[in-house]
Amino acid sequence: MQRLILATVGLLLFLVSSEGWGASSGGRTAPYVDAHWGFSIDLPHTWEILPHARAALLAAAPKAPRQAQFRPNLNLIVDYVEEEYTLQQLVSMNINYAKGALLQFRILSVDTIGRQQAPMTRIVYTCRLISRGQAYDVQNSVYCLLAESKFYILTCCCAREQHEEYADLFDRVSDTLRPF
């Protein structure tokens, strides 16, 4: 489990790479399916799949020039849960680790999102990421789902001042995460 949490933090640092260009996707989506890990998710059609980084199965961000500084992004990590953990226990473990691993970590909210398949926990927090000598104040929405003995962590990251712009999009994307 610690490997999974470390990978999430490391991936956030990796994805601090390009400038955001807005949340609008016109409502159109492009499906992404991973048969090996057994999930599908719909991404905004204006986003691109990024090369796999560390332990993430999926990393995506708005299409943008490579020379830009930072762009909103999401990543999905899935891990098998071999012990009898509840979703609440897994979420608590992730929060406790993030408190020690991220600079200026502050939880804004933790809530349960009702879903048809299984409930999901959403954690919204702010922190400071440092990449290539540059500091970024970000706000993350992290969606946690426990299904089919797998723990899904969907992390959606954007600059703190962009969160109002991206919050609805992040919620819509998380709602399309479907384990199978």
Foldseek 3Di string as FASTA:
>chain_A
DVLQLVQVVVVVQVQQFADADFADLVPDWDKDADVVQFKIFTHRPQKDWDPDDRQFPTKIFGDDDRRHGGTKIKTKHKDFAPDDDDQVRVVVVSVVVCVVVFAPKDWDDWDWDDAPPFIKIWTWIWTWHAYPNDIAIKIWIWIWDQDPRMIMIMIIIDGPVCCVRCVVVVVRRVNRIDGD
